[in-house]
Amino acid sequence: MKRLVLYSLVAIIGLGLGAALAWLTRDEPPPVGVTGAAVGDQRPPFRHAALDGQWVSADDFDGRLLLVNFWATWCAPCRREMPLLQAFSERHADRLSVVGIAIDDAGPVRDFVDSLGIDYPILVGSSDVLATQRAWGNAAGALPYTVLVDEDGVIRWQHLGEVSDEELTASLELL
């Protein structure tokens, strides 16, 4: 019995040390814009299904400022920033289009955006959206991820993580 307890204790300590070593030696995700498009680059294309089933492409927003937000319903920071993005979209509707691209299933996305009254375009997908997100400069695939594109289709700002109203306003002032 004492041997079993000893072996179990050694195994638990070994697993703990292994997990700690793996955590301490893990690679950091690549910074935004290192892989894929970066600030100053032409925006990559995308084509994804909207919640109404219609296809929407990046070209549909040519000639307008475009704020693209990659998100998911299971991402807490994404959920928190959605009302802010809706308000920002309304406040700058005369010069800015906002589009949300969800890495998720259409059903939960539809329920969530309906509950918040989100009225800017919401696109959905899975591996295709992950590929778009990488092409737009987020190789790590972390969420939320937001990109501002100018009227000429040039990326002017990229942000990984939850955005604030101050950050969004400052990004528009760059243009």
C-alpha atoms as a PDB file:
ATOM      1  CA  MET A   1       0.000   0.000   0.000  1.00  0.00           C
ATOM      2  CA  LYS A   2       2.847   2.370   0.863  1.00  0.00           C
ATOM      3  CA  ARG A   3       4.446   1.633  -2.503  1.00  0.00           C
ATOM      4  CA  LEU A   4       1.234   2.508  -4.339  1.00  0.00           C
ATOM      5  CA  VAL A   5       1.001   5.820  -2.498  1.00  0.00           C
ATOM      6  CA  LEU A   6       4.673   6.537  -3.218  1.00  0.00           C
ATOM      7  CA  TYR A   7       4.332   5.713  -6.928  1.00  0.00           C
ATOM      8  CA  SER A   8       1.188   7.815  -7.152  1.00  0.00           C
ATOM      9  CA  LEU A   9       2.912  10.735  -5.457  1.00  0.00           C
ATOM     10  CA  VAL A  10       5.924  10.479  -7.785  1.00  0.00           C
ATOM     11  CA  ALA A  11       3.607  10.328 -10.810  1.00  0.00           C
ATOM     12  CA  ILE A  12       1.653  13.393  -9.685  1.00  0.00           C
ATOM     13  CA  ILE A  13       4.840  15.373  -9.025  1.00  0.00           C
ATOM     14  CA  GLY A  14       6.236  14.291 -12.403  1.00  0.00           C
ATOM     15  CA  LEU A  15       3.070  15.376 -14.220  1.00  0.00           C
ATOM     16  CA  GLY A  16       3.105  18.698 -12.394  1.00  0.00           C
ATOM     17  CA  LEU A  17       6.744  19.349 -13.260  1.00  0.00           C
ATOM     18  CA  GLY A  18       6.139  18.332 -16.866  1.00  0.00           C
ATOM     19  CA  ALA A  19       3.178  20.686 -17.150  1.00  0.00           C
ATOM     20  CA  ALA A  20       5.174  23.524 -15.585  1.00  0.00           C
ATOM     21  CA  LEU A  21       8.070  22.934 -17.982  1.00  0.00           C
ATOM     22  CA  ALA A  22       5.720  22.872 -20.977  1.00  0.00           C
ATOM     23  CA  TRP A  23       4.090  26.121 -19.812  1.00  0.00           C
ATOM     24  CA  LEU A  24       7.387  27.917 -19.262  1.00  0.00           C
ATOM     25  CA  THR A  25       8.934  26.844 -22.580  1.00  0.00           C
ATOM     26  CA  ARG A  26       5.890  27.364 -24.822  1.00  0.00           C
ATOM     27  CA  ASP A  27       6.198  29.604 -27.844  1.00  0.00           C
ATOM     28  CA  GLU A  28       4.532  32.980 -27.683  1.00  0.00           C
ATOM     29  CA  PRO A  29       1.972  33.578 -30.433  1.00  0.00           C
ATOM     30  CA  PRO A  30       3.368  35.615 -33.296  1.00  0.00           C
ATOM     31  CA  PRO A  31       2.641  39.338 -33.063  1.00  0.00           C
ATOM     32  CA  VAL A  32      -0.103  40.806 -35.200  1.00  0.00           C
ATOM     33  CA  GLY A  33       0.953  41.600 -38.747  1.00  0.00           C
ATOM     34  CA  VAL A  34       4.062  39.380 -38.774  1.00  0.00           C
ATOM     35  CA  THR A  35       2.299  36.642 -40.721  1.00  0.00           C
ATOM     36  CA  GLY A  36      -0.279  37.795 -43.224  1.00  0.00           C
ATOM     37  CA  ALA A  37      -1.209  41.401 -43.897  1.00  0.00           C
ATOM     38  CA  ALA A  38       0.255  44.205 -41.802  1.00  0.00           C
ATOM     39  CA  VAL A  39      -0.441  47.899 -41.371  1.00  0.00           C
ATOM     40  CA  GLY A  40       0.278  49.576 -44.703  1.00  0.00           C
ATOM     41  CA  ASP A  41      -0.587  46.485 -46.773  1.00  0.00           C
ATOM     42  CA  GLN A  42      -3.524  46.153 -49.125  1.00  0.00           C
ATOM     43  CA  ARG A  43      -6.362  44.306 -47.425  1.00  0.00           C
ATOM     44  CA  PRO A  44      -6.685  40.651 -48.406  1.00  0.00           C
ATOM     45  CA  PRO A  45      -9.932  39.423 -49.924  1.00  0.00           C
ATOM     46  CA  PHE A  46     -12.626  37.542 -48.051  1.00  0.00           C
ATOM     47  CA  ARG A  47     -15.943  35.983 -49.003  1.00  0.00           C
ATOM     48  CA  HIS A  48     -18.185  34.549 -46.292  1.00  0.00           C
ATOM     49  CA  ALA A  49     -21.863  33.841 -45.766  1.00  0.00           C
ATOM     50  CA  ALA A  50     -23.961  36.362 -43.875  1.00  0.00           C
ATOM     51  CA  LEU A  51     -26.650  35.250 -41.450  1.00  0.00           C
ATOM     52  CA  ASP A  52     -29.265  35.679 -44.183  1.00  0.00           C
ATOM     53  CA  GLY A  53     -27.357  33.244 -46.423  1.00  0.00           C
ATOM     54  CA  GLN A  54     -26.085  35.901 -48.834  1.00  0.00           C
ATOM     55  CA  TRP A  55     -22.392  35.960 -49.717  1.00  0.00           C
ATOM     56  CA  VAL A  56     -20.478  39.062 -48.659  1.00  0.00           C
ATOM     57  CA  SER A  57     -16.986  39.927 -49.860  1.00  0.00           C
ATOM     58  CA  ALA A  58     -14.415  42.529 -48.905  1.00  0.00           C
ATOM     59  CA  ASP A  59     -14.950  44.105 -52.317  1.00  0.00           C
ATOM     60  CA  ASP A  60     -18.510  45.001 -51.260  1.00  0.00           C
ATOM     61  CA  PHE A  61     -16.987  47.677 -48.995  1.00  0.00           C
ATOM     62  CA  ASP A  62     -14.606  49.256 -51.516  1.00  0.00           C
ATOM     63  CA  GLY A  63     -14.447  53.037 -51.272  1.00  0.00           C
ATOM     64  CA  ARG A  64     -15.517  53.129 -47.585  1.00  0.00           C
ATOM     65  CA  LEU A  65     -13.676  52.912 -44.311  1.00  0.00           C
ATOM     66  CA  LEU A  66     -14.081  49.371 -43.062  1.00  0.00           C
ATOM     67  CA  LEU A  67     -13.756  48.016 -39.536  1.00  0.00           C
ATOM     68  CA  VAL A  68     -13.529  44.204 -39.529  1.00  0.00           C
ATOM     69  CA  ASN A  69     -13.992  42.403 -36.213  1.00  0.00           C
ATOM     70  CA  PHE A  70     -13.225  38.676 -35.900  1.00  0.00           C
ATOM     71  CA  TRP A  71     -15.110  37.134 -32.980  1.00  0.00           C
ATOM     72  CA  ALA A  72     -17.029  34.135 -31.594  1.00  0.00           C
ATOM     73  CA  THR A  73     -19.965  33.647 -29.248  1.00  0.00           C
ATOM     74  CA  TRP A  74     -17.810  31.546 -26.897  1.00  0.00           C
ATOM     75  CA  CYS A  75     -15.246  34.381 -26.532  1.00  0.00           C
ATOM     76  CA  ALA A  76     -16.056  36.504 -23.451  1.00  0.00           C
ATOM     77  CA  PRO A  77     -14.130  39.646 -24.561  1.00  0.00           C
ATOM     78  CA  CYS A  78     -15.808  39.367 -27.973  1.00  0.00           C
ATOM     79  CA  ARG A  79     -19.234  39.313 -26.362  1.00  0.00           C
ATOM     80  CA  ARG A  80     -18.392  42.307 -24.169  1.00  0.00           C
ATOM     81  CA  GLU A  81     -17.227  44.495 -27.067  1.00  0.00           C
ATOM     82  CA  MET A  82     -20.208  43.857 -29.377  1.00  0.00           C
ATOM     83  CA  PRO A  83     -22.428  46.622 -27.907  1.00  0.00           C
ATOM     84  CA  LEU A  84     -19.480  49.033 -28.225  1.00  0.00           C
ATOM     85  CA  LEU A  85     -18.980  48.070 -31.875  1.00  0.00           C
ATOM     86  CA  GLN A  86     -22.713  48.554 -32.525  1.00  0.00           C
ATOM     87  CA  ALA A  87     -22.637  52.028 -30.961  1.00  0.00           C
ATOM     88  CA  PHE A  88     -19.458  52.896 -32.880  1.00  0.00           C
ATOM     89  CA  SER A  89     -21.089  51.710 -36.105  1.00  0.00           C
ATOM     90  CA  GLU A  90     -24.117  53.920 -35.482  1.00  0.00           C
ATOM     91  CA  ARG A  91     -22.022  56.938 -34.483  1.00  0.00           C
ATOM     92  CA  HIS A  92     -19.852  56.765 -37.623  1.00  0.00           C
ATOM     93  CA  ALA A  93     -22.354  55.335 -40.113  1.00  0.00           C
ATOM     94  CA  ASP A  94     -21.760  58.239 -42.504  1.00  0.00           C
ATOM     95  CA  ARG A  95     -18.130  57.231 -43.141  1.00  0.00           C
ATOM     96  CA  LEU A  96     -17.543  53.740 -41.723  1.00  0.00           C
ATOM     97  CA  SER A  97     -18.823  50.225 -42.377  1.00  0.00           C
ATOM     98  CA  VAL A  98     -18.439  47.674 -39.603  1.00  0.00           C
ATOM     99  CA  VAL A  99     -18.536  43.959 -40.346  1.00  0.00           C
ATOM    100  CA  GLY A 100     -18.280  41.141 -37.822  1.00  0.00           C
ATOM    101  CA  ILE A 101     -16.838  37.817 -38.931  1.00  0.00           C
ATOM    102  CA  ALA A 102     -17.719  35.032 -36.503  1.00  0.00           C
ATOM    103  CA  ILE A 103     -15.817  31.782 -36.138  1.00  0.00           C
ATOM    104  CA  ASP A 104     -18.919  29.953 -35.069  1.00  0.00           C
ATOM    105  CA  ASP A 105     -22.146  28.257 -36.119  1.00  0.00           C
ATOM    106  CA  ALA A 106     -24.888  30.458 -37.548  1.00  0.00           C
ATOM    107  CA  GLY A 107     -27.542  29.492 -34.953  1.00  0.00           C
ATOM    108  CA  PRO A 108     -25.769  30.715 -31.808  1.00  0.00           C
ATOM    109  CA  VAL A 109     -24.475  33.766 -33.671  1.00  0.00           C
ATOM    110  CA  ARG A 110     -27.961  34.721 -34.855  1.00  0.00           C
ATOM    111  CA  ASP A 111     -29.409  34.306 -31.350  1.00  0.00           C
ATOM    112  CA  PHE A 112     -26.637  36.394 -29.800  1.00  0.00           C
ATOM    113  CA  VAL A 113     -26.718  39.305 -32.275  1.00  0.00           C
ATOM    114  CA  ASP A 114     -30.530  39.367 -32.191  1.00  0.00           C
ATOM    115  CA  SER A 115     -30.469  39.605 -28.393  1.00  0.00           C
ATOM    116  CA  LEU A 116     -28.185  42.661 -28.611  1.00  0.00           C
ATOM    117  CA  GLY A 117     -29.840  44.327 -31.607  1.00  0.00           C
ATOM    118  CA  ILE A 118     -26.656  44.226 -33.700  1.00  0.00           C
ATOM    119  CA  ASP A 119     -27.510  45.516 -37.160  1.00  0.00           C
ATOM    120  CA  TYR A 120     -24.155  45.693 -38.926  1.00  0.00           C
ATOM    121  CA  PRO A 121     -23.338  42.755 -41.233  1.00  0.00           C
ATOM    122  CA  ILE A 122     -22.371  39.537 -39.458  1.00  0.00           C
ATOM    123  CA  LEU A 123     -20.627  36.812 -41.449  1.00  0.00           C
ATOM    124  CA  VAL A 124     -20.061  33.263 -40.221  1.00  0.00           C
ATOM    125  CA  GLY A 125     -17.775  30.364 -40.956  1.00  0.00           C
ATOM    126  CA  SER A 126     -15.209  28.032 -39.482  1.00  0.00           C
ATOM    127  CA  SER A 127     -11.963  26.993 -41.159  1.00  0.00           C
ATOM    128  CA  ASP A 128     -12.578  29.526 -43.935  1.00  0.00           C
ATOM    129  CA  VAL A 129     -12.814  32.318 -41.350  1.00  0.00           C
ATOM    130  CA  LEU A 130      -9.646  31.077 -39.621  1.00  0.00           C
ATOM    131  CA  ALA A 131      -7.840  31.289 -42.964  1.00  0.00           C
ATOM    132  CA  THR A 132      -9.178  34.816 -43.516  1.00  0.00           C
ATOM    133  CA  GLN A 133      -8.097  35.862 -40.041  1.00  0.00           C
ATOM    134  CA  ARG A 134      -4.556  34.580 -40.705  1.00  0.00           C
ATOM    135  CA  ALA A 135      -4.443  36.383 -44.059  1.00  0.00           C
ATOM    136  CA  TRP A 136      -5.527  39.579 -42.279  1.00  0.00           C
ATOM    137  CA  GLY A 137      -2.512  39.378 -39.940  1.00  0.00           C
ATOM    138  CA  ASN A 138      -3.596  37.241 -36.993  1.00  0.00           C
ATOM    139  CA  ALA A 139      -1.590  34.030 -37.324  1.00  0.00           C
ATOM    140  CA  ALA A 140      -2.223  33.120 -33.684  1.00  0.00           C
ATOM    141  CA  GLY A 141      -5.968  32.959 -34.291  1.00  0.00           C
ATOM    142  CA  ALA A 142      -6.666  34.683 -30.974  1.00  0.00           C
ATOM    143  CA  LEU A 143      -9.918  36.572 -30.500  1.00  0.00           C
ATOM    144  CA  PRO A 144     -11.170  39.209 -30.678  1.00  0.00           C
ATOM    145  CA  TYR A 145      -9.184  40.699 -33.522  1.00  0.00           C
ATOM    146  CA  THR A 146     -10.079  44.022 -35.171  1.00  0.00           C
ATOM    147  CA  VAL A 147      -8.712  45.671 -38.324  1.00  0.00           C
ATOM    148  CA  LEU A 148      -9.365  49.134 -39.776  1.00  0.00           C
ATOM    149  CA  VAL A 149      -9.084  49.544 -43.549  1.00  0.00           C
ATOM    150  CA  ASP A 150      -9.109  52.915 -45.313  1.00  0.00           C
ATOM    151  CA  GLU A 151     -11.128  53.894 -48.391  1.00  0.00           C
ATOM    152  CA  ASP A 152      -8.301  52.706 -50.668  1.00  0.00           C
ATOM    153  CA  GLY A 153      -8.275  49.232 -49.129  1.00  0.00           C
ATOM    154  CA  VAL A 154      -5.086  49.759 -47.117  1.00  0.00           C
ATOM    155  CA  ILE A 155      -4.861  48.365 -43.585  1.00  0.00           C
ATOM    156  CA  ARG A 156      -4.330  51.280 -41.172  1.00  0.00           C
ATOM    157  CA  TRP A 157      -4.774  49.651 -37.746  1.00  0.00           C
ATOM    158  CA  GLN A 158      -4.767  46.137 -36.264  1.00  0.00           C
ATOM    159  CA  HIS A 159      -5.727  45.240 -32.704  1.00  0.00           C
ATOM    160  CA  LEU A 160      -5.614  41.874 -30.949  1.00  0.00           C
ATOM    161  CA  GLY A 161      -7.841  41.741 -27.871  1.00  0.00           C
ATOM    162  CA  GLU A 162     -10.877  43.597 -26.613  1.00  0.00           C
ATOM    163  CA  VAL A 163     -11.134  47.158 -27.939  1.00  0.00           C
ATOM    164  CA  SER A 164     -12.219  50.273 -26.097  1.00  0.00           C
ATOM    165  CA  ASP A 165     -14.094  53.264 -27.441  1.00  0.00           C
ATOM    166  CA  GLU A 166     -10.934  55.347 -26.977  1.00  0.00           C
ATOM    167  CA  GLU A 167      -8.878  52.916 -29.094  1.00  0.00           C
ATOM    168  CA  LEU A 168     -11.481  52.850 -31.867  1.00  0.00           C
ATOM    169  CA  THR A 169     -11.778  56.641 -31.889  1.00  0.00           C
ATOM    170  CA  ALA A 170      -7.979  57.033 -31.958  1.00  0.00           C
ATOM    171  CA  SER A 171      -7.742  54.580 -34.861  1.00  0.00           C
ATOM    172  CA  LEU A 172     -10.201  56.688 -36.893  1.00  0.00           C
ATOM    173  CA  GLU A 173      -8.189  59.812 -36.119  1.00  0.00           C
ATOM    174  CA  LEU A 174      -5.207  58.194 -37.883  1.00  0.00           C
ATOM    175  CA  LEU A 175      -7.057  58.671 -41.167  1.00  0.00           C
END
